[in-house]
Protein backbone atom coordinates (compact mmCIF):
# COMPACT_ATOMS: atom_id res chain seq x y z
CA MET A 1 7.77 0.37 37.10
CA GLU A 2 6.88 -2.10 34.23
CA THR A 3 8.83 -2.52 30.99
CA VAL A 4 7.74 -2.96 27.70
CA GLN A 5 8.15 -6.83 26.67
CA GLU A 6 5.97 -7.50 23.84
CA VAL A 7 6.30 -5.02 20.56
CA CYS A 8 4.68 -5.09 17.14
CA LEU A 9 6.30 -2.88 14.67
CA ALA A 10 4.10 -1.92 11.59
CA VAL A 11 6.35 -1.40 8.63
CA ALA A 12 6.03 -0.65 4.88
CA PRO A 13 8.03 -3.74 3.24
CA PRO A 14 6.45 -7.28 2.75
CA VAL A 15 7.40 -9.18 6.09
CA SER A 16 8.35 -12.90 5.85
CA VAL A 17 11.44 -13.23 7.67
CA THR A 18 13.58 -11.80 10.31
CA ARG A 19 15.80 -9.29 8.03
CA VAL A 20 13.57 -6.33 7.30
CA ARG A 21 14.46 -4.12 4.33
CA MET A 22 12.20 -1.01 4.02
CA THR A 23 10.47 0.03 0.77
CA ASN A 24 11.65 2.73 -0.72
CA SER A 25 14.28 3.54 1.41
CA HIS A 26 17.99 2.00 2.52
CA TRP A 27 17.22 1.23 5.88
CA HIS A 28 17.12 -2.45 7.20
CA PHE A 29 17.16 -4.19 10.09
CA ASN A 30 17.08 -7.46 11.76
CA SER A 31 14.02 -7.87 14.15
CA GLY A 32 15.80 -10.83 16.29
CA GLU A 33 18.71 -8.39 16.83
CA VAL A 34 16.29 -5.50 17.62
CA ARG A 35 14.58 -7.70 20.15
CA ARG A 36 17.57 -8.51 21.92
CA CYS A 37 19.17 -5.28 22.09
CA PHE A 38 16.07 -3.85 23.75
CA GLY A 39 15.61 -6.61 26.01
CA TRP A 40 11.97 -7.57 24.72
CA SER A 41 10.21 -10.82 25.20
CA SER A 42 8.69 -10.67 21.76
CA LEU A 43 8.81 -8.44 18.59
CA LYS A 44 6.41 -9.04 15.78
CA VAL A 45 6.85 -7.15 12.58
CA ILE A 46 3.94 -6.61 10.46
CA ASN A 47 3.13 -4.81 7.26
CA ASP A 48 1.92 -1.20 8.02
CA PHE A 49 -1.19 -1.38 5.69
CA THR A 50 -2.32 -4.65 7.77
CA GLY A 51 -1.65 -2.77 11.25
CA MET A 52 -3.73 -0.27 9.77
CA ALA A 53 -6.46 -2.48 8.66
CA LEU A 54 -6.55 -4.14 12.06
CA GLY A 55 -7.41 -0.43 13.71
CA ILE A 56 -10.36 -0.19 11.50
CA PRO A 57 -13.14 -1.95 13.74
CA HIS A 58 -11.87 0.89 16.66
CA VAL A 59 -12.64 3.77 14.28
CA SER A 60 -16.08 5.36 14.70
CA ALA A 61 -18.40 4.92 11.64
CA ASP A 62 -18.61 8.59 11.07
CA LYS A 63 -14.67 8.68 10.55
CA LEU A 64 -14.77 5.75 8.00
CA VAL A 65 -15.14 6.99 4.12
CA HIS A 66 -17.46 4.94 1.71
CA VAL A 67 -16.30 4.29 -1.45
CA CYS A 68 -17.98 2.87 -4.54
CA GLY A 69 -21.74 4.89 -4.01
CA GLY A 70 -23.82 3.32 -1.44
CA PRO A 71 -24.14 3.88 2.47
CA GLY A 72 -21.72 0.78 3.12
CA ASP A 73 -22.67 -2.30 5.12
CA GLY A 74 -20.94 -2.87 8.59
CA PRO A 75 -20.42 -6.65 8.33
CA ARG A 76 -18.81 -6.31 4.80
CA PRO A 77 -15.35 -6.48 4.12
CA ARG A 78 -13.70 -3.34 4.31
CA LEU A 79 -10.42 -1.35 2.34
CA VAL A 80 -7.72 0.43 3.65
CA ILE A 81 -5.90 2.19 0.71
CA GLY A 82 -3.21 4.87 1.17
CA PRO A 83 -0.89 6.42 -1.65
CA GLY A 84 2.50 7.66 -0.25
CA THR A 85 5.69 6.72 -1.52
CA GLY A 86 4.41 3.60 -2.14
CA LEU A 87 0.74 2.14 -2.70
CA GLY A 88 -0.08 0.62 0.46
CA VAL A 89 -3.50 -1.65 0.55
CA SER A 90 -4.91 -4.22 2.80
CA GLY A 91 -8.73 -5.17 3.84
CA LEU A 92 -10.18 -6.51 6.85
CA VAL A 93 -12.50 -9.71 6.25
CA PRO A 94 -15.34 -10.72 8.34
CA LEU A 95 -15.31 -13.42 10.40
CA LYS A 96 -17.90 -15.23 12.90
CA GLU A 97 -15.95 -13.74 15.98
CA GLY A 98 -13.91 -10.53 14.68
CA TRP A 99 -12.04 -9.49 11.58
CA ALA A 100 -9.08 -11.27 9.56
CA PRO A 101 -6.70 -8.81 8.19
CA LEU A 102 -5.10 -9.45 4.44
CA THR A 103 -1.70 -8.72 4.04
CA THR A 104 -0.84 -7.48 0.41
CA LEU A 105 1.22 -5.62 -1.96
CA GLY A 106 -1.77 -4.06 -3.83
CA GLY A 107 0.61 -1.47 -5.19
CA ASP A 108 2.32 -3.87 -6.86
CA VAL A 109 -0.82 -5.34 -9.42
CA ASP A 110 -0.30 -4.50 -12.91
CA PHE A 111 -1.90 -0.99 -14.16
CA ALA A 112 -4.70 -2.18 -16.39
CA PRO A 113 -5.95 0.82 -18.74
CA THR A 114 -9.43 1.11 -19.68
CA ASP A 115 -9.39 3.57 -22.24
CA ASP A 116 -7.22 4.87 -25.16
CA MET A 117 -5.12 7.34 -23.20
CA GLU A 118 -4.45 5.04 -20.44
CA VAL A 119 -3.27 2.33 -23.19
CA ALA A 120 -1.03 5.37 -24.55
CA ILE A 121 0.24 6.19 -21.20
CA LEU A 122 0.91 2.26 -20.35
CA LYS A 123 3.08 2.46 -23.77
CA LEU A 124 5.20 4.99 -22.94
CA LEU A 125 5.72 3.94 -19.08
CA LYS A 126 6.25 0.30 -20.17
CA ALA A 127 8.80 1.49 -22.67
CA ARG A 128 10.46 3.13 -19.94
CA PHE A 129 10.07 0.91 -17.05
CA GLY A 130 9.34 -2.62 -18.48
CA ARG A 131 6.32 -3.11 -16.25
CA VAL A 132 3.93 -0.70 -15.08
CA SER A 133 2.43 -1.06 -11.62
CA ALA A 134 -0.55 0.80 -9.81
CA GLU A 135 2.37 1.96 -7.64
CA ARG A 136 3.86 3.50 -11.02
CA LEU A 137 1.15 5.91 -11.69
CA LEU A 138 -0.76 6.60 -8.27
CA CYS A 139 2.14 7.69 -5.52
CA GLY A 140 5.75 9.27 -4.92
CA SER A 141 7.17 9.74 -8.21
CA GLY A 142 4.44 7.79 -9.79
CA LEU A 143 2.45 11.08 -9.81
CA LEU A 144 5.23 12.65 -11.88
CA ASN A 145 5.18 9.60 -14.15
CA LEU A 146 1.80 10.04 -14.85
CA TYR A 147 1.88 13.72 -15.64
CA GLN A 148 5.00 13.31 -18.11
CA ALA A 149 3.58 10.84 -19.76
CA HIS A 150 0.35 12.51 -20.33
CA GLU A 151 2.21 15.87 -21.38
CA ILE A 152 3.73 13.50 -23.91
CA ILE A 153 1.00 12.11 -25.20
CA GLN A 154 -1.22 15.68 -25.19
CA SER A 155 1.90 17.42 -27.22
CA GLU A 156 2.23 14.28 -29.63
CA SER A 157 -1.80 14.51 -30.29
CA ASN A 158 -1.35 18.76 -31.10
CA THR A 159 1.09 17.90 -33.48
CA PHE A 160 -1.00 15.87 -36.01
CA VAL A 161 -3.85 18.40 -35.54
């Protein structure tokens, strides 16, 4: 019977060293220790959304969702995005011979308001957190932050009517 020798783990935190500390959790591990413990010849740890992006070429076209209108264009870059406890984002860029994944921390981008309501939300959350990322609004506890800020703004605007 063959045993597993090469392993790739896709995890939520940014991956750059052997010590991996999970995003939004107290869990952590050392990839070298895990590799030795299981007797694997190699262990590669990648970002979870990078792993999902690598799988996109293997998903049938009828299972993909086109965003920003239009029918989509097969050889163009592709986006993988998912709100959960954090905001996972990755992309896939076409090359001559396949695709290259983009490892990103898309949820960490600054919230960029586009109207008066969003500016008011930014002001409230900036006072509370200092910096306001997209993740502070679009996933996990961010949805509660967004709801609470909206309620405060609505109640303040009704007070002055």
